[in-house]
N, C-alpha and C. Protein backbone atom coordinates (compact mmCIF):
# COMPACT_ATOMS: atom_id res chain seq x y z
N UNK A 1 1.58 12.93 -8.76
CA UNK A 1 0.83 11.75 -8.39
C UNK A 1 1.74 10.76 -7.67
N UNK A 2 2.98 10.64 -8.13
CA UNK A 2 3.93 9.72 -7.50
C UNK A 2 4.28 10.17 -6.09
N UNK A 3 4.47 11.48 -5.90
CA UNK A 3 4.78 12.01 -4.57
C UNK A 3 3.61 11.75 -3.61
N UNK A 4 2.41 11.93 -4.09
CA UNK A 4 1.23 11.68 -3.26
C UNK A 4 1.14 10.21 -2.85
N UNK A 5 1.40 9.32 -3.79
CA UNK A 5 1.37 7.89 -3.48
C UNK A 5 2.48 7.52 -2.51
N UNK A 6 3.66 8.12 -2.68
CA UNK A 6 4.76 7.85 -1.77
C UNK A 6 4.40 8.30 -0.35
N UNK A 7 3.78 9.46 -0.23
CA UNK A 7 3.37 9.98 1.07
C UNK A 7 2.33 9.05 1.70
N UNK A 8 1.41 8.54 0.89
CA UNK A 8 0.38 7.63 1.38
C UNK A 8 1.01 6.35 1.94
N UNK A 9 1.96 5.79 1.21
CA UNK A 9 2.64 4.58 1.67
C UNK A 9 3.44 4.88 2.93
N UNK A 10 4.11 6.02 2.97
CA UNK A 10 4.88 6.41 4.13
C UNK A 10 4.00 6.49 5.38
N UNK A 11 2.84 7.13 5.25
CA UNK A 11 1.93 7.25 6.39
C UNK A 11 1.40 5.88 6.82
N UNK A 12 1.10 5.04 5.86
CA UNK A 12 0.58 3.71 6.19
C UNK A 12 1.62 2.89 6.94
N UNK A 13 2.86 2.90 6.46
CA UNK A 13 3.92 2.13 7.13
C UNK A 13 4.18 2.70 8.51
N UNK A 14 4.21 4.01 8.64
CA UNK A 14 4.43 4.64 9.94
C UNK A 14 3.31 4.27 10.92
N UNK A 15 2.07 4.32 10.46
CA UNK A 15 0.95 3.96 11.33
C UNK A 15 0.99 2.49 11.73
N UNK A 16 1.33 1.61 10.80
CA UNK A 16 1.38 0.19 11.13
C UNK A 16 2.51 -0.11 12.11
N UNK A 17 3.66 0.52 11.94
CA UNK A 17 4.75 0.33 12.90
C UNK A 17 4.39 0.90 14.26
N UNK A 18 3.74 2.04 14.28
CA UNK A 18 3.27 2.63 15.54
C UNK A 18 2.28 1.70 16.23
N UNK A 19 1.40 1.09 15.45
CA UNK A 19 0.42 0.16 16.02
C UNK A 19 1.11 -1.03 16.66
N UNK A 20 2.11 -1.58 16.00
CA UNK A 20 2.83 -2.73 16.56
C UNK A 20 3.50 -2.36 17.87
N UNK A 21 4.18 -1.22 17.89
CA UNK A 21 4.85 -0.76 19.12
C UNK A 21 3.83 -0.52 20.23
N UNK A 22 2.70 0.09 19.89
CA UNK A 22 1.67 0.37 20.89
C UNK A 22 1.07 -0.92 21.44
N UNK A 23 0.85 -1.91 20.58
CA UNK A 23 0.29 -3.18 21.04
C UNK A 23 1.28 -3.92 21.93
N UNK A 24 2.57 -3.87 21.60
CA UNK A 24 3.58 -4.49 22.47
C UNK A 24 3.62 -3.76 23.81
N UNK A 25 3.56 -2.43 23.77
CA UNK A 25 3.54 -1.65 25.01
C UNK A 25 2.31 -2.01 25.85
N UNK A 26 1.18 -2.24 25.19
CA UNK A 26 -0.03 -2.59 25.94
C UNK A 26 0.14 -3.94 26.64
N UNK A 27 0.90 -4.85 26.05
CA UNK A 27 1.15 -6.13 26.72
C UNK A 27 1.93 -5.93 28.01
N UNK A 28 2.90 -5.03 27.98
CA UNK A 28 3.66 -4.73 29.21
C UNK A 28 2.77 -4.09 30.27
N UNK A 29 1.89 -3.19 29.84
CA UNK A 29 1.00 -2.53 30.79
C UNK A 29 0.01 -3.54 31.36
N UNK A 30 -0.47 -4.47 30.53
CA UNK A 30 -1.37 -5.52 31.01
C UNK A 30 -0.65 -6.38 32.05
N UNK A 31 0.61 -6.73 31.76
CA UNK A 31 1.39 -7.51 32.72
C UNK A 31 1.59 -6.76 34.03
N UNK A 32 1.89 -5.47 33.95
CA UNK A 32 2.07 -4.66 35.15
C UNK A 32 0.77 -4.56 35.94
N UNK A 33 -0.35 -4.42 35.23
CA UNK A 33 -1.65 -4.34 35.91
C UNK A 33 -1.99 -5.65 36.60
N UNK A 34 -1.64 -6.77 35.98
CA UNK A 34 -1.91 -8.07 36.59
C UNK A 34 -1.04 -8.28 37.83
N UNK A 35 0.23 -7.91 37.74
CA UNK A 35 1.14 -8.07 38.88
C UNK A 35 0.75 -7.16 40.05
N UNK A 36 0.34 -5.94 39.73
CA UNK A 36 -0.02 -4.97 40.77
C UNK A 36 -1.46 -5.14 41.24
N UNK A 37 -2.22 -5.96 40.52
CA UNK A 37 -3.64 -6.16 40.83
C UNK A 37 -4.35 -4.82 40.94
N UNK A 38 -4.10 -3.97 39.91
CA UNK A 38 -4.61 -2.61 39.92
C UNK A 38 -5.67 -2.43 38.83
N UNK A 39 -6.84 -1.98 39.27
CA UNK A 39 -7.92 -1.71 38.31
C UNK A 39 -7.62 -0.49 37.45
N UNK A 40 -6.99 0.52 38.04
CA UNK A 40 -6.66 1.74 37.30
C UNK A 40 -5.64 1.45 36.21
N UNK A 41 -4.64 0.63 36.55
CA UNK A 41 -3.63 0.26 35.54
C UNK A 41 -4.24 -0.62 34.46
N UNK A 42 -5.24 -1.41 34.83
CA UNK A 42 -5.97 -2.22 33.84
C UNK A 42 -6.72 -1.33 32.86
N UNK A 43 -7.28 -0.25 33.36
CA UNK A 43 -7.98 0.71 32.49
C UNK A 43 -7.00 1.39 31.54
N UNK A 44 -5.83 1.74 32.05
CA UNK A 44 -4.79 2.33 31.21
C UNK A 44 -4.36 1.32 30.13
N UNK A 45 -4.22 0.06 30.53
CA UNK A 45 -3.84 -0.99 29.57
C UNK A 45 -4.88 -1.11 28.45
N UNK A 46 -6.15 -1.05 28.84
CA UNK A 46 -7.22 -1.11 27.84
C UNK A 46 -7.14 0.07 26.89
N UNK A 47 -6.89 1.27 27.42
CA UNK A 47 -6.79 2.47 26.57
C UNK A 47 -5.61 2.35 25.61
N UNK A 48 -4.47 1.86 26.10
CA UNK A 48 -3.29 1.70 25.23
C UNK A 48 -3.57 0.66 24.15
N UNK A 49 -4.23 -0.45 24.54
CA UNK A 49 -4.57 -1.49 23.57
C UNK A 49 -5.51 -0.95 22.49
N UNK A 50 -6.54 -0.21 22.90
CA UNK A 50 -7.48 0.35 21.93
C UNK A 50 -6.81 1.37 21.01
N UNK A 51 -5.85 2.12 21.53
CA UNK A 51 -5.10 3.06 20.68
C UNK A 51 -4.29 2.28 19.64
N UNK A 52 -3.69 1.17 20.04
CA UNK A 52 -2.94 0.35 19.09
C UNK A 52 -3.82 -0.25 18.02
N UNK A 53 -4.98 -0.74 18.42
CA UNK A 53 -5.91 -1.32 17.44
C UNK A 53 -6.41 -0.23 16.49
N UNK A 54 -6.67 0.95 17.01
CA UNK A 54 -7.11 2.06 16.15
C UNK A 54 -6.03 2.43 15.14
N UNK A 55 -4.78 2.52 15.60
CA UNK A 55 -3.68 2.82 14.68
C UNK A 55 -3.54 1.73 13.62
N UNK A 56 -3.73 0.49 14.03
CA UNK A 56 -3.67 -0.63 13.08
C UNK A 56 -4.76 -0.52 12.02
N UNK A 57 -5.98 -0.23 12.44
CA UNK A 57 -7.08 -0.10 11.48
C UNK A 57 -6.88 1.07 10.53
N UNK A 58 -6.42 2.19 11.04
CA UNK A 58 -6.18 3.36 10.18
C UNK A 58 -5.05 3.05 9.20
N UNK A 59 -3.98 2.39 9.66
CA UNK A 59 -2.88 2.01 8.77
C UNK A 59 -3.32 1.07 7.67
N UNK A 60 -4.16 0.11 8.02
CA UNK A 60 -4.70 -0.82 7.00
C UNK A 60 -5.57 -0.06 6.01
N UNK A 61 -6.33 0.92 6.50
CA UNK A 61 -7.13 1.75 5.59
C UNK A 61 -6.27 2.52 4.62
N UNK A 62 -5.17 3.11 5.12
CA UNK A 62 -4.24 3.82 4.25
C UNK A 62 -3.67 2.88 3.19
N UNK A 63 -3.29 1.68 3.60
CA UNK A 63 -2.74 0.71 2.64
C UNK A 63 -3.79 0.30 1.60
N UNK A 64 -5.03 0.13 2.03
CA UNK A 64 -6.09 -0.24 1.09
C UNK A 64 -6.30 0.85 0.04
N UNK A 65 -6.28 2.10 0.48
CA UNK A 65 -6.43 3.22 -0.46
C UNK A 65 -5.25 3.23 -1.43
N UNK A 66 -4.04 3.01 -0.92
CA UNK A 66 -2.85 3.01 -1.79
C UNK A 66 -2.89 1.87 -2.79
N UNK A 67 -3.33 0.69 -2.37
CA UNK A 67 -3.42 -0.44 -3.29
C UNK A 67 -4.42 -0.13 -4.40
N UNK A 68 -5.51 0.51 -4.05
CA UNK A 68 -6.51 0.89 -5.06
C UNK A 68 -5.94 1.90 -6.05
N UNK A 69 -5.23 2.93 -5.54
CA UNK A 69 -4.63 3.93 -6.42
C UNK A 69 -3.53 3.29 -7.28
N UNK A 70 -2.77 2.39 -6.70
CA UNK A 70 -1.71 1.71 -7.44
C UNK A 70 -2.31 0.89 -8.58
N UNK A 71 -3.38 0.18 -8.30
CA UNK A 71 -4.04 -0.61 -9.34
C UNK A 71 -4.56 0.29 -10.47
N UNK A 72 -5.15 1.40 -10.10
CA UNK A 72 -5.67 2.33 -11.11
C UNK A 72 -4.53 2.89 -11.96
N UNK A 73 -3.40 3.23 -11.34
CA UNK A 73 -2.27 3.79 -12.08
C UNK A 73 -1.67 2.77 -13.03
N UNK A 74 -1.48 1.55 -12.55
CA UNK A 74 -0.91 0.50 -13.40
C UNK A 74 -1.86 0.16 -14.53
N UNK A 75 -3.14 0.10 -14.25
CA UNK A 75 -4.12 -0.18 -15.31
C UNK A 75 -4.11 0.90 -16.38
N UNK A 76 -4.08 2.16 -15.94
CA UNK A 76 -4.05 3.27 -16.89
C UNK A 76 -2.81 3.21 -17.76
N UNK A 77 -1.64 3.03 -17.14
CA UNK A 77 -0.40 3.00 -17.91
C UNK A 77 -0.35 1.80 -18.85
N UNK A 78 -0.85 0.66 -18.40
CA UNK A 78 -0.87 -0.53 -19.26
C UNK A 78 -1.74 -0.29 -20.49
N UNK A 79 -2.91 0.27 -20.29
CA UNK A 79 -3.81 0.52 -21.42
C UNK A 79 -3.23 1.59 -22.35
N UNK A 80 -2.53 2.58 -21.78
CA UNK A 80 -1.91 3.61 -22.60
C UNK A 80 -0.80 3.01 -23.45
N UNK A 81 0.01 2.14 -22.88
CA UNK A 81 1.12 1.53 -23.63
C UNK A 81 0.59 0.58 -24.69
N UNK A 82 -0.48 -0.15 -24.39
CA UNK A 82 -1.04 -1.07 -25.38
C UNK A 82 -1.51 -0.32 -26.62
N UNK A 83 -1.95 0.90 -26.45
CA UNK A 83 -2.44 1.68 -27.58
C UNK A 83 -1.36 2.37 -28.40
N UNK A 84 -0.11 2.31 -27.96
CA UNK A 84 0.97 2.96 -28.71
C UNK A 84 1.38 2.11 -29.90
N UNK A 85 1.70 2.75 -31.03
CA UNK A 85 2.19 1.98 -32.18
C UNK A 85 3.63 1.51 -31.92
N UNK A 86 3.98 0.42 -32.57
CA UNK A 86 5.35 -0.08 -32.47
C UNK A 86 6.25 0.83 -33.28
N UNK A 87 7.35 1.25 -32.72
CA UNK A 87 8.30 2.07 -33.47
C UNK A 87 9.59 1.29 -33.64
N UNK A 88 10.19 1.41 -34.81
CA UNK A 88 11.43 0.70 -35.11
C UNK A 88 12.57 1.70 -35.11
N UNK A 89 13.73 1.28 -34.63
CA UNK A 89 14.86 2.19 -34.47
C UNK A 89 15.32 2.82 -35.78
N UNK A 90 15.28 2.08 -36.85
CA UNK A 90 15.79 2.62 -38.12
C UNK A 90 14.72 3.36 -38.92
N UNK A 91 13.52 3.47 -38.39
CA UNK A 91 12.47 4.21 -39.07
C UNK A 91 11.70 3.40 -40.11
N UNK A 92 12.12 2.15 -40.35
CA UNK A 92 11.41 1.33 -41.34
C UNK A 92 10.15 0.75 -40.72
N UNK A 93 9.33 0.19 -41.58
CA UNK A 93 8.11 -0.44 -41.09
C UNK A 93 8.46 -1.82 -40.54
N UNK A 94 7.62 -2.36 -39.69
CA UNK A 94 7.90 -3.67 -39.13
C UNK A 94 7.86 -4.75 -40.21
N UNK A 95 8.60 -5.82 -40.03
CA UNK A 95 8.60 -6.89 -41.04
C UNK A 95 7.26 -7.60 -41.08
N UNK A 96 7.00 -8.22 -42.22
CA UNK A 96 5.76 -8.98 -42.38
C UNK A 96 5.80 -10.18 -41.45
N UNK A 97 4.63 -10.54 -40.94
CA UNK A 97 4.55 -11.70 -40.06
C UNK A 97 4.07 -12.89 -40.86
N UNK A 98 4.10 -14.05 -40.24
CA UNK A 98 3.69 -15.27 -40.93
C UNK A 98 2.21 -15.26 -41.29
N UNK A 99 1.41 -14.44 -40.62
CA UNK A 99 -0.01 -14.40 -40.95
C UNK A 99 -0.33 -13.36 -42.03
N UNK A 100 0.70 -12.71 -42.56
CA UNK A 100 0.51 -11.79 -43.67
C UNK A 100 0.25 -10.36 -43.28
N UNK A 101 0.14 -10.06 -42.00
CA UNK A 101 -0.13 -8.70 -41.56
C UNK A 101 1.16 -7.90 -41.56
N UNK A 102 1.09 -6.67 -42.00
CA UNK A 102 2.22 -5.76 -41.96
C UNK A 102 1.76 -4.44 -41.37
N UNK A 103 2.71 -3.60 -41.06
CA UNK A 103 2.34 -2.22 -40.72
C UNK A 103 2.34 -1.95 -39.24
N UNK A 104 1.29 -1.28 -38.83
CA UNK A 104 1.25 -0.68 -37.51
C UNK A 104 0.73 -1.65 -36.47
N UNK A 105 1.60 -2.53 -35.99
CA UNK A 105 1.23 -3.48 -34.93
C UNK A 105 1.34 -2.79 -33.59
N UNK A 106 0.57 -3.25 -32.65
CA UNK A 106 0.67 -2.75 -31.29
C UNK A 106 1.22 -3.87 -30.42
N UNK A 107 1.82 -3.47 -29.30
CA UNK A 107 2.36 -4.46 -28.36
C UNK A 107 1.26 -5.16 -27.63
């Protein structure tokens, strides 16, 4: 499960970095199209920009899925730990508390 989550984060970061580079590249192509007054280069600029936006959206989707899985994993582990009994190093029972309860306390 951890390897899968790591791969998901890796893909999301890679896609988001690719999107940033693609969007910066599209700005250069837009500038070149404006200087050359070229309709064809403008179309290429639009295609590069749309590819960058698509990569950005897919990267955000990957991150959203990872955040959801991360929340589920942390919730599961938290609830599992809450249900564990307290164990003492010397094997004795826990000391009595001021409210009079003794025995098997949970964290």
